[in-house]
PDB file of N, CA and C in Angstrom:
ATOM      1  N   MET A   1     202.374  13.988  22.999  1.00  0.00           N
ATOM      2  CA  MET A   1     201.738  12.716  23.285  1.00  0.00           C
ATOM      3  C   MET A   1     200.228  12.912  23.330  1.00  0.00           C
ATOM      4  N   VAL A   2     199.547  12.034  22.673  1.00  0.00           N
ATOM      5  CA  VAL A   2     198.101  12.104  22.648  1.00  0.00           C
ATOM      6  C   VAL A   2     197.547  10.955  23.485  1.00  0.00           C
ATOM      7  N   TYR A   3     196.783  11.319  24.495  1.00  0.00           N
ATOM      8  CA  TYR A   3     196.110  10.313  25.312  1.00  0.00           C
ATOM      9  C   TYR A   3     194.805  10.908  25.805  1.00  0.00           C
ATOM     10  N   ASP A   4     193.928  10.059  26.247  1.00  0.00           N
ATOM     11  CA  ASP A   4     192.590  10.449  26.665  1.00  0.00           C
ATOM     12  C   ASP A   4     192.662  11.192  28.005  1.00  0.00           C
ATOM     13  N   GLU A   5     192.540  12.514  27.951  1.00  0.00           N
ATOM     14  CA  GLU A   5     192.621  13.348  29.158  1.00  0.00           C
ATOM     15  C   GLU A   5     191.463  13.069  30.115  1.00  0.00           C
ATOM     16  N   ILE A   6     190.307  12.736  29.564  1.00  0.00           N
ATOM     17  CA  ILE A   6     189.152  12.434  30.427  1.00  0.00           C
ATOM     18  C   ILE A   6     189.420  11.176  31.229  1.00  0.00           C
ATOM     19  N   LEU A   7     189.979  10.155  30.582  1.00  0.00           N
ATOM     20  CA  LEU A   7     190.334   8.936  31.303  1.00  0.00           C
ATOM     21  C   LEU A   7     191.402   9.237  32.351  1.00  0.00           C
ATOM     22  N   ALA A   8     192.407  10.028  31.996  1.00  0.00           N
ATOM     23  CA  ALA A   8     193.448  10.382  32.965  1.00  0.00           C
ATOM     24  C   ALA A   8     192.837  11.099  34.169  1.00  0.00           C
ATOM     25  N   ASP A   9     191.864  11.965  33.937  1.00  0.00           N
ATOM     26  CA  ASP A   9     191.182  12.651  35.040  1.00  0.00           C
ATOM     27  C   ASP A   9     190.409  11.672  35.911  1.00  0.00           C
ATOM     28  N   ARG A  10     189.782  10.682  35.291  1.00  0.00           N
ATOM     29  CA  ARG A  10     189.054   9.669  36.070  1.00  0.00           C
ATOM     30  C   ARG A  10     190.018   8.881  36.954  1.00  0.00           C
ATOM     31  N   VAL A  11     191.161   8.497  36.381  1.00  0.00           N
ATOM     32  CA  VAL A  11     192.169   7.751  37.150  1.00  0.00           C
ATOM     33  C   VAL A  11     192.674   8.619  38.298  1.00  0.00           C
ATOM     34  N   ARG A  12     193.018   9.847  37.989  1.00  0.00           N
ATOM     35  CA  ARG A  12     193.503  10.799  38.992  1.00  0.00           C
ATOM     36  C   ARG A  12     192.491  10.938  40.123  1.00  0.00           C
ATOM     37  N   GLY A  13     191.246  11.107  39.763  1.00  0.00           N
ATOM     38  CA  GLY A  13     190.178  11.272  40.753  1.00  0.00           C
ATOM     39  C   GLY A  13     189.998  10.057  41.629  1.00  0.00           C
ATOM     40  N   LEU A  14     190.152   8.871  41.049  1.00  0.00           N
ATOM     41  CA  LEU A  14     190.008   7.656  41.853  1.00  0.00           C
ATOM     42  C   LEU A  14     191.124   7.564  42.887  1.00  0.00           C
ATOM     43  N   PHE A  15     192.347   7.835  42.473  1.00  0.00           N
ATOM     44  CA  PHE A  15     193.459   7.828  43.428  1.00  0.00           C
ATOM     45  C   PHE A  15     193.223   8.880  44.526  1.00  0.00           C
ATOM     46  N   GLU A  16     192.804  10.068  44.126  1.00  0.00           N
ATOM     47  CA  GLU A  16     192.559  11.135  45.104  1.00  0.00           C
ATOM     48  C   GLU A  16     191.470  10.738  46.090  1.00  0.00           C
ATOM     49  N   SER A  17     190.396  10.105  45.596  1.00  0.00           N
ATOM     50  CA  SER A  17     189.283   9.726  46.475  1.00  0.00           C
ATOM     51  C   SER A  17     189.702   8.674  47.499  1.00  0.00           C
ATOM     52  N   LYS A  18     190.727   7.895  47.175  1.00  0.00           N
ATOM     53  CA  LYS A  18     191.235   6.883  48.094  1.00  0.00           C
ATOM     54  C   LYS A  18     192.391   7.406  48.944  1.00  0.00           C
ATOM     55  N   GLY A  19     192.781   8.660  48.723  1.00  0.00           N
ATOM     56  CA  GLY A  19     193.875   9.243  49.480  1.00  0.00           C
ATOM     57  C   GLY A  19     195.231   8.643  49.141  1.00  0.00           C
ATOM     58  N   ILE A  20     195.385   8.170  47.903  1.00  0.00           N
ATOM     59  CA  ILE A  20     196.635   7.548  47.465  1.00  0.00           C
ATOM     60  C   ILE A  20     197.456   8.582  46.693  1.00  0.00           C
ATOM     61  N   ALA A  21     198.653   8.825  47.189  1.00  0.00           N
ATOM     62  CA  ALA A  21     199.544   9.790  46.537  1.00  0.00           C
ATOM     63  C   ALA A  21     200.139   9.182  45.271  1.00  0.00           C
ATOM     64  N   THR A  22     200.148   9.950  44.202  1.00  0.00           N
ATOM     65  CA  THR A  22     200.736   9.502  42.939  1.00  0.00           C
ATOM     66  C   THR A  22     201.665  10.586  42.404  1.00  0.00           C
ATOM     67  N   VAL A  23     202.568  10.138  41.560  1.00  0.00           N
ATOM     68  CA  VAL A  23     203.398  11.041  40.769  1.00  0.00           C
ATOM     69  C   VAL A  23     203.135  10.666  39.320  1.00  0.00           C
ATOM     70  N   GLU A  24     202.852  11.659  38.502  1.00  0.00           N
ATOM     71  CA  GLU A  24     202.568  11.394  37.093  1.00  0.00           C
ATOM     72  C   GLU A  24     203.840  11.561  36.273  1.00  0.00           C
ATOM     73  N   LYS A  25     204.053  10.617  35.370  1.00  0.00           N
ATOM     74  CA  LYS A  25     205.202  10.677  34.470  1.00  0.00           C
ATOM     75  C   LYS A  25     204.728  10.389  33.061  1.00  0.00           C
ATOM     76  N   ARG A  26     205.315  11.085  32.129  1.00  0.00           N
ATOM     77  CA  ARG A  26     205.038  10.830  30.716  1.00  0.00           C
ATOM     78  C   ARG A  26     205.882   9.640  30.285  1.00  0.00           C
ATOM     79  N   MET A  27     205.244   8.590  29.872  1.00  0.00           N
ATOM     80  CA  MET A  27     205.943   7.428  29.322  1.00  0.00           C
ATOM     81  C   MET A  27     204.975   6.577  28.512  1.00  0.00           C
ATOM     82  N   PHE A  28     205.520   5.715  27.686  1.00  0.00           N
ATOM     83  CA  PHE A  28     204.738   4.814  26.836  1.00  0.00           C
ATOM     84  C   PHE A  28     203.737   5.578  25.971  1.00  0.00           C
ATOM     85  N   GLY A  29     204.076   6.778  25.557  1.00  0.00           N
ATOM     86  CA  GLY A  29     203.185   7.550  24.698  1.00  0.00           C
ATOM     87  C   GLY A  29     201.974   8.107  25.414  1.00  0.00           C
ATOM     88  N   GLY A  30     202.022   8.158  26.724  1.00  0.00           N
ATOM     89  CA  GLY A  30     200.894   8.667  27.496  1.00  0.00           C
ATOM     90  C   GLY A  30     201.359   9.151  28.843  1.00  0.00           C
ATOM     91  N   VAL A  31     200.538   8.903  29.841  1.00  0.00           N
ATOM     92  CA  VAL A  31     200.870   9.296  31.212  1.00  0.00           C
ATOM     93  C   VAL A  31     200.748   8.068  32.105  1.00  0.00           C
ATOM     94  N   THR A  32     201.704   7.929  33.013  1.00  0.00           N
ATOM     95  CA  THR A  32     201.633   6.839  33.987  1.00  0.00           C
ATOM     96  C   THR A  32     201.484   7.435  35.376  1.00  0.00           C
ATOM     97  N   PHE A  33     200.878   6.659  36.239  1.00  0.00           N
ATOM     98  CA  PHE A  33     200.678   7.045  37.625  1.00  0.00           C
ATOM     99  C   PHE A  33     201.559   6.158  38.484  1.00  0.00           C
ATOM    100  N   MET A  34     202.522   6.790  39.117  1.00  0.00           N
ATOM    101  CA  MET A  34     203.479   6.096  39.967  1.00  0.00           C
ATOM    102  C   MET A  34     202.962   6.116  41.400  1.00  0.00           C
ATOM    103  N   VAL A  35     202.998   4.970  42.051  1.00  0.00           N
ATOM    104  CA  VAL A  35     202.603   4.847  43.451  1.00  0.00           C
ATOM    105  C   VAL A  35     203.787   4.254  44.198  1.00  0.00           C
ATOM    106  N   ARG A  36     204.209   4.917  45.251  1.00  0.00           N
ATOM    107  CA  ARG A  36     205.363   4.470  46.033  1.00  0.00           C
ATOM    108  C   ARG A  36     206.620   4.352  45.162  1.00  0.00           C
ATOM    109  N   GLY A  37     206.683   5.171  44.112  1.00  0.00           N
ATOM    110  CA  GLY A  37     207.845   5.192  43.228  1.00  0.00           C
ATOM    111  C   GLY A  37     207.831   4.160  42.124  1.00  0.00           C
ATOM    112  N   ASN A  38     206.770   3.364  42.036  1.00  0.00           N
ATOM    113  CA  ASN A  38     206.656   2.316  41.018  1.00  0.00           C
ATOM    114  C   ASN A  38     205.454   2.579  40.126  1.00  0.00           C
ATOM    115  N   MET A  39     205.599   2.253  38.837  1.00  0.00           N
ATOM    116  CA  MET A  39     204.476   2.416  37.930  1.00  0.00           C
ATOM    117  C   MET A  39     203.332   1.513  38.365  1.00  0.00           C
ATOM    118  N   CYS A  40     202.132   2.069  38.409  1.00  0.00           N
ATOM    119  CA  CYS A  40     200.952   1.308  38.804  1.00  0.00           C
ATOM    120  C   CYS A  40     199.997   1.152  37.618  1.00  0.00           C
ATOM    121  N   VAL A  41     199.525   2.267  37.085  1.00  0.00           N
ATOM    122  CA  VAL A  41     198.646   2.261  35.918  1.00  0.00           C
ATOM    123  C   VAL A  41     199.031   3.428  35.026  1.00  0.00           C
ATOM    124  N   GLY A  42     198.501   3.403  33.823  1.00  0.00           N
ATOM    125  CA  GLY A  42     198.751   4.501  32.909  1.00  0.00           C
ATOM    126  C   GLY A  42     197.629   4.631  31.903  1.00  0.00           C
ATOM    127  N   VAL A  43     197.692   5.706  31.153  1.00  0.00           N
ATOM    128  CA  VAL A  43     196.751   5.947  30.066  1.00  0.00           C
ATOM    129  C   VAL A  43     197.578   6.114  28.808  1.00  0.00           C
ATOM    130  N   SER A  44     197.312   5.279  27.826  1.00  0.00           N
ATOM    131  CA  SER A  44     197.996   5.337  26.537  1.00  0.00           C
ATOM    132  C   SER A  44     196.919   5.388  25.458  1.00  0.00           C
ATOM    133  N   ARG A  45     196.926   6.480  24.717  1.00  0.00           N
ATOM    134  CA  ARG A  45     195.853   6.760  23.748  1.00  0.00           C
ATOM    135  C   ARG A  45     194.515   6.734  24.482  1.00  0.00           C
ATOM    136  N   ASP A  46     193.640   5.766  24.143  1.00  0.00           N
ATOM    137  CA  ASP A  46     192.339   5.695  24.818  1.00  0.00           C
ATOM    138  C   ASP A  46     192.195   4.407  25.617  1.00  0.00           C
ATOM    139  N   GLU A  47     193.329   3.840  26.012  1.00  0.00           N
ATOM    140  CA  GLU A  47     193.305   2.602  26.774  1.00  0.00           C
ATOM    141  C   GLU A  47     193.950   2.787  28.136  1.00  0.00           C
ATOM    142  N   LEU A  48     193.549   1.922  29.046  1.00  0.00           N
ATOM    143  CA  LEU A  48     194.162   1.877  30.361  1.00  0.00           C
ATOM    144  C   LEU A  48     195.278   0.845  30.317  1.00  0.00           C
ATOM    145  N   MET A  49     196.414   1.188  30.875  1.00  0.00           N
ATOM    146  CA  MET A  49     197.549   0.281  30.970  1.00  0.00           C
ATOM    147  C   MET A  49     197.691  -0.059  32.450  1.00  0.00           C
ATOM    148  N   VAL A  50     197.758  -1.345  32.771  1.00  0.00           N
ATOM    149  CA  VAL A  50     197.815  -1.765  34.164  1.00  0.00           C
ATOM    150  C   VAL A  50     199.006  -2.682  34.376  1.00  0.00           C
ATOM    151  N   ARG A  51     199.783  -2.389  35.397  1.00  0.00           N
ATOM    152  CA  ARG A  51     200.913  -3.248  35.764  1.00  0.00           C
ATOM    153  C   ARG A  51     200.396  -4.269  36.772  1.00  0.00           C
ATOM    154  N   VAL A  52     200.284  -5.521  36.325  1.00  0.00           N
ATOM    155  CA  VAL A  52     199.731  -6.585  37.164  1.00  0.00           C
ATOM    156  C   VAL A  52     200.796  -7.565  37.638  1.00  0.00           C
ATOM    157  N   GLY A  53     202.007  -7.443  37.132  1.00  0.00           N
ATOM    158  CA  GLY A  53     203.077  -8.370  37.492  1.00  0.00           C
ATOM    159  C   GLY A  53     202.954  -9.678  36.750  1.00  0.00           C
ATOM    160  N   LYS A  54     204.068 -10.379  36.656  1.00  0.00           N
ATOM    161  CA  LYS A  54     204.057 -11.651  35.921  1.00  0.00           C
ATOM    162  C   LYS A  54     203.109 -12.665  36.543  1.00  0.00           C
ATOM    163  N   SER A  55     203.014 -12.672  37.873  1.00  0.00           N
ATOM    164  CA  SER A  55     202.140 -13.650  38.534  1.00  0.00           C
ATOM    165  C   SER A  55     200.660 -13.349  38.292  1.00  0.00           C
ATOM    166  N   GLY A  56     200.306 -12.113  38.010  1.00  0.00           N
ATOM    167  CA  GLY A  56     198.915 -11.752  37.754  1.00  0.00           C
ATOM    168  C   GLY A  56     198.572 -11.618  36.293  1.00  0.00           C
ATOM    169  N   ASN A  57     199.551 -11.889  35.431  1.00  0.00           N
ATOM    170  CA  ASN A  57     199.385 -11.668  33.998  1.00  0.00           C
ATOM    171  C   ASN A  57     198.279 -12.532  33.393  1.00  0.00           C
ATOM    172  N   ASP A  58     198.336 -13.838  33.613  1.00  0.00           N
ATOM    173  CA  ASP A  58     197.362 -14.739  32.983  1.00  0.00           C
ATOM    174  C   ASP A  58     195.940 -14.447  33.443  1.00  0.00           C
ATOM    175  N   GLU A  59     195.773 -14.209  34.731  1.00  0.00           N
ATOM    176  CA  GLU A  59     194.442 -13.939  35.267  1.00  0.00           C
ATOM    177  C   GLU A  59     193.892 -12.631  34.697  1.00  0.00           C
ATOM    178  N   ALA A  60     194.744 -11.614  34.584  1.00  0.00           N
ATOM    179  CA  ALA A  60     194.308 -10.336  34.028  1.00  0.00           C
ATOM    180  C   ALA A  60     193.923 -10.486  32.557  1.00  0.00           C
ATOM    181  N   LEU A  61     194.725 -11.240  31.817  1.00  0.00           N
ATOM    182  CA  LEU A  61     194.434 -11.419  30.388  1.00  0.00           C
ATOM    183  C   LEU A  61     193.180 -12.250  30.144  1.00  0.00           C
ATOM    184  N   ALA A  62     192.748 -13.006  31.135  1.00  0.00           N
ATOM    185  CA  ALA A  62     191.525 -13.795  31.001  1.00  0.00           C
ATOM    186  C   ALA A  62     190.269 -12.924  31.141  1.00  0.00           C
ATOM    187  N   GLN A  63     190.454 -11.672  31.561  1.00  0.00           N
ATOM    188  CA  GLN A  63     189.316 -10.760  31.744  1.00  0.00           C
ATOM    189  C   GLN A  63     188.891 -10.171  30.401  1.00  0.00           C
ATOM    190  N   PRO A  64     187.596  -9.886  30.269  1.00  0.00           N
ATOM    191  CA  PRO A  64     187.127  -9.249  29.034  1.00  0.00           C
ATOM    192  C   PRO A  64     187.822  -7.913  28.790  1.00  0.00           C
ATOM    193  N   HIS A  65     188.103  -7.646  27.541  1.00  0.00           N
ATOM    194  CA  HIS A  65     188.647  -6.374  27.074  1.00  0.00           C
ATOM    195  C   HIS A  65     190.123  -6.150  27.422  1.00  0.00           C
ATOM    196  N   ALA A  66     190.802  -7.174  27.943  1.00  0.00           N
ATOM    197  CA  ALA A  66     192.228  -7.055  28.261  1.00  0.00           C
ATOM    198  C   ALA A  66     193.047  -7.725  27.172  1.00  0.00           C
ATOM    199  N   ARG A  67     194.217  -7.148  26.918  1.00  0.00           N
ATOM    200  CA  ARG A  67     195.138  -7.740  25.947  1.00  0.00           C
ATOM    201  C   ARG A  67     196.562  -7.453  26.402  1.00  0.00           C
ATOM    202  N   PRO A  68     197.522  -8.209  25.898  1.00  0.00           N
ATOM    203  CA  PRO A  68     198.911  -7.966  26.306  1.00  0.00           C
ATOM    204  C   PRO A  68     199.380  -6.576  25.878  1.00  0.00           C
ATOM    205  N   MET A  69     200.185  -5.964  26.705  1.00  0.00           N
ATOM    206  CA  MET A  69     200.824  -4.710  26.323  1.00  0.00           C
ATOM    207  C   MET A  69     201.909  -5.040  25.323  1.00  0.00           C
ATOM    208  N   ASN A  70     201.876  -4.350  24.191  1.00  0.00           N
ATOM    209  CA  ASN A  70     202.806  -4.673  23.119  1.00  0.00           C
ATOM    210  C   ASN A  70     203.110  -3.401  22.338  1.00  0.00           C
ATOM    211  N   PHE A  71     204.307  -2.881  22.516  1.00  0.00           N
ATOM    212  CA  PHE A  71     204.725  -1.697  21.767  1.00  0.00           C
ATOM    213  C   PHE A  71     205.707  -2.040  20.659  1.00  0.00           C
ATOM    214  N   THR A  72     206.459  -3.098  20.829  1.00  0.00           N
ATOM    215  CA  THR A  72     207.581  -3.386  19.936  1.00  0.00           C
ATOM    216  C   THR A  72     207.411  -4.663  19.131  1.00  0.00           C
ATOM    217  N   GLY A  73     206.243  -5.284  19.186  1.00  0.00           N
ATOM    218  CA  GLY A  73     206.041  -6.559  18.513  1.00  0.00           C
ATOM    219  C   GLY A  73     206.244  -7.736  19.444  1.00  0.00           C
ATOM    220  N   LYS A  74     206.685  -7.461  20.665  1.00  0.00           N
ATOM    221  CA  LYS A  74     206.870  -8.508  21.661  1.00  0.00           C
ATOM    222  C   LYS A  74     206.084  -8.115  22.913  1.00  0.00           C
ATOM    223  N   PRO A  75     205.108  -8.937  23.322  1.00  0.00           N
ATOM    224  CA  PRO A  75     204.324  -8.596  24.515  1.00  0.00           C
ATOM    225  C   PRO A  75     205.212  -8.455  25.752  1.00  0.00           C
ATOM    226  N   LYS A  76     204.855  -7.525  26.609  1.00  0.00           N
ATOM    227  CA  LYS A  76     205.598  -7.291  27.847  1.00  0.00           C
ATOM    228  C   LYS A  76     204.834  -7.952  28.990  1.00  0.00           C
ATOM    229  N   ASP A  77     205.384  -9.047  29.520  1.00  0.00           N
ATOM    230  CA  ASP A  77     204.747  -9.752  30.625  1.00  0.00           C
ATOM    231  C   ASP A  77     204.570  -8.838  31.821  1.00  0.00           C
ATOM    232  N   GLY A  78     203.432  -8.989  32.482  1.00  0.00           N
ATOM    233  CA  GLY A  78     203.172  -8.224  33.689  1.00  0.00           C
ATOM    234  C   GLY A  78     202.455  -6.921  33.457  1.00  0.00           C
ATOM    235  N   PHE A  79     202.197  -6.569  32.192  1.00  0.00           N
ATOM    236  CA  PHE A  79     201.494  -5.345  31.840  1.00  0.00           C
ATOM    237  C   PHE A  79     200.373  -5.699  30.864  1.00  0.00           C
ATOM    238  N   VAL A  80     199.206  -5.115  31.066  1.00  0.00           N
ATOM    239  CA  VAL A  80     198.094  -5.347  30.134  1.00  0.00           C
ATOM    240  C   VAL A  80     197.474  -4.017  29.733  1.00  0.00           C
ATOM    241  N   PHE A  81     196.909  -4.005  28.540  1.00  0.00           N
ATOM    242  CA  PHE A  81     196.062  -2.920  28.079  1.00  0.00           C
ATOM    243  C   PHE A  81     194.622  -3.343  28.292  1.00  0.00           C
ATOM    244  N   VAL A  82     193.789  -2.412  28.667  1.00  0.00           N
ATOM    245  CA  VAL A  82     192.366  -2.667  28.843  1.00  0.00           C
ATOM    246  C   VAL A  82     191.621  -1.708  27.934  1.00  0.00           C
ATOM    247  N   GLY A  83     190.767  -2.283  27.083  1.00  0.00           N
ATOM    248  CA  GLY A  83     189.959  -1.474  26.180  1.00  0.00           C
ATOM    249  C   GLY A  83     188.855  -0.736  26.913  1.00  0.00           C
ATOM    250  N   ARG A  84     188.309   0.280  26.272  1.00  0.00           N
ATOM    251  CA  ARG A  84     187.324   1.179  26.884  1.00  0.00           C
ATOM    252  C   ARG A  84     186.168   0.466  27.574  1.00  0.00           C
ATOM    253  N   GLU A  85     185.691  -0.605  26.987  1.00  0.00           N
ATOM    254  CA  GLU A  85     184.554  -1.313  27.571  1.00  0.00           C
ATOM    255  C   GLU A  85     184.894  -1.880  28.950  1.00  0.00           C
ATOM    256  N   GLY A  86     186.155  -2.150  29.183  1.00  0.00           N
ATOM    257  CA  GLY A  86     186.580  -2.734  30.449  1.00  0.00           C
ATOM    258  C   GLY A  86     186.599  -1.763  31.614  1.00  0.00           C
ATOM    259  N   PHE A  87     186.574  -0.462  31.323  1.00  0.00           N
ATOM    260  CA  PHE A  87     186.586   0.533  32.403  1.00  0.00           C
ATOM    261  C   PHE A  87     185.535   1.612  32.173  1.00  0.00           C
ATOM    262  N   ALA A  88     184.499   1.277  31.396  1.00  0.00           N
ATOM    263  CA  ALA A  88     183.445   2.251  31.102  1.00  0.00           C
ATOM    264  C   ALA A  88     182.735   2.693  32.383  1.00  0.00           C
ATOM    265  N   SER A  89     182.520   1.771  33.292  1.00  0.00           N
ATOM    266  CA  SER A  89     181.883   2.113  34.565  1.00  0.00           C
ATOM    267  C   SER A  89     182.957   2.492  35.586  1.00  0.00           C
ATOM    268  N   ASP A  90     182.543   3.246  36.586  1.00  0.00           N
ATOM    269  CA  ASP A  90     183.478   3.604  37.651  1.00  0.00           C
ATOM    270  C   ASP A  90     183.947   2.361  38.397  1.00  0.00           C
ATOM    271  N   SER A  91     183.047   1.397  38.569  1.00  0.00           N
ATOM    272  CA  SER A  91     183.439   0.167  39.276  1.00  0.00           C
ATOM    273  C   SER A  91     184.435  -0.639  38.451  1.00  0.00           C
ATOM    274  N   GLY A  92     184.287  -0.644  37.132  1.00  0.00           N
ATOM    275  CA  GLY A  92     185.250  -1.335  36.270  1.00  0.00           C
ATOM    276  C   GLY A  92     186.622  -0.689  36.342  1.00  0.00           C
ATOM    277  N   LEU A  93     186.656   0.640  36.328  1.00  0.00           N
ATOM    278  CA  LEU A  93     187.926   1.353  36.449  1.00  0.00           C
ATOM    279  C   LEU A  93     188.556   1.067  37.808  1.00  0.00           C
ATOM    280  N   ALA A  94     187.757   1.110  38.867  1.00  0.00           N
ATOM    281  CA  ALA A  94     188.274   0.850  40.216  1.00  0.00           C
ATOM    282  C   ALA A  94     188.823  -0.573  40.329  1.00  0.00           C
ATOM    283  N   GLU A  95     188.175  -1.525  39.674  1.00  0.00           N
ATOM    284  CA  GLU A  95     188.657  -2.912  39.721  1.00  0.00           C
ATOM    285  C   GLU A  95     190.032  -3.032  39.070  1.00  0.00           C
ATOM    286  N   TRP A  96     190.213  -2.415  37.915  1.00  0.00           N
ATOM    287  CA  TRP A  96     191.506  -2.490  37.233  1.00  0.00           C
ATOM    288  C   TRP A  96     192.586  -1.750  38.001  1.00  0.00           C
ATOM    289  N   ILE A  97     192.254  -0.600  38.538  1.00  0.00           N
ATOM    290  CA  ILE A  97     193.243   0.121  39.337  1.00  0.00           C
ATOM    291  C   ILE A  97     193.574  -0.688  40.590  1.00  0.00           C
ATOM    292  N   GLY A  98     192.590  -1.371  41.140  1.00  0.00           N
ATOM    293  CA  GLY A  98     192.831  -2.245  42.288  1.00  0.00           C
ATOM    294  C   GLY A  98     193.834  -3.339  41.967  1.00  0.00           C
ATOM    295  N   ARG A  99     193.765  -3.880  40.763  1.00  0.00           N
ATOM    296  CA  ARG A  99     194.752  -4.897  40.348  1.00  0.00           C
ATOM    297  C   ARG A  99     196.152  -4.292  40.318  1.00  0.00           C
ATOM    298  N   GLY A 100     196.253  -3.080  39.768  1.00  0.00           N
ATOM    299  CA  GLY A 100     197.550  -2.413  39.734  1.00  0.00           C
ATOM    300  C   GLY A 100     198.075  -2.117  41.125  1.00  0.00           C
ATOM    301  N   LEU A 101     197.193  -1.682  42.018  1.00  0.00           N
ATOM    302  CA  LEU A 101     197.607  -1.392  43.385  1.00  0.00           C
ATOM    303  C   LEU A 101     198.010  -2.665  44.133  1.00  0.00           C
ATOM    304  N   ALA A 102     197.314  -3.767  43.874  1.00  0.00           N
ATOM    305  CA  ALA A 102     197.656  -5.022  44.540  1.00  0.00           C
ATOM    306  C   ALA A 102     199.069  -5.461  44.176  1.00  0.00           C
ATOM    307  N   PHE A 103     199.408  -5.345  42.894  1.00  0.00           N
ATOM    308  CA  PHE A 103     200.773  -5.710  42.515  1.00  0.00           C
ATOM    309  C   PHE A 103     201.767  -4.688  43.070  1.00  0.00           C
ATOM    310  N   ASN A 104     201.418  -3.430  43.008  1.00  0.00           N
ATOM    311  CA  ASN A 104     202.298  -2.372  43.487  1.00  0.00           C
ATOM    312  C   ASN A 104     202.675  -2.599  44.956  1.00  0.00           C
ATOM    313  N   ALA A 105     201.737  -3.107  45.738  1.00  0.00           N
ATOM    314  CA  ALA A 105     201.986  -3.336  47.165  1.00  0.00           C
ATOM    315  C   ALA A 105     203.050  -4.407  47.406  1.00  0.00           C
ATOM    316  N   THR A 106     203.332  -5.242  46.390  1.00  0.00           N
ATOM    317  CA  THR A 106     204.337  -6.287  46.537  1.00  0.00           C
ATOM    318  C   THR A 106     205.747  -5.786  46.239  1.00  0.00           C
ATOM    319  N   LEU A 107     205.855  -4.578  45.721  1.00  0.00           N
ATOM    320  CA  LEU A 107     207.141  -4.027  45.322  1.00  0.00           C
ATOM    321  C   LEU A 107     207.748  -3.170  46.426  1.00  0.00           C
ATOM    322  N   PRO A 108     209.064  -3.125  46.500  1.00  0.00           N
ATOM    323  CA  PRO A 108     209.659  -2.224  47.483  1.00  0.00           C
ATOM    324  C   PRO A 108     209.437  -0.773  47.068  1.00  0.00           C
ATOM    325  N   GLU A 109     209.274   0.087  48.050  1.00  0.00           N
ATOM    326  CA  GLU A 109     209.105   1.512  47.761  1.00  0.00           C
ATOM    327  C   GLU A 109     210.427   2.070  47.254  1.00  0.00           C
ATOM    328  N   LYS A 110     210.333   2.932  46.251  1.00  0.00           N
ATOM    329  CA  LYS A 110     211.539   3.559  45.697  1.00  0.00           C
ATOM    330  C   LYS A 110     211.696   4.963  46.236  1.00  0.00           C
TER     331      LYS A 110
END
């Protein structure tokens, strides 16, 4: 699997700086970061993948550089891809990870 290791390190570092425990799993052609047993964010190729939930889908897609997650020709509701410009700054990355964490907090722990 080919994915941006530098981006994965940035994501890893942000979780570590907040004291949030994650488990990394290889999926979707990249690496995902599981929080409380649920997928929160991931890195696929050179994009950030964020699980925002169906209720947060429209608002997330209204943000610059976001697009529907689509691997099979059918968009997957509740997941978005964010292009590099959307997380170029540390604050941009933290904002997107915050969206993933906000949805993650609504899920039961596995």
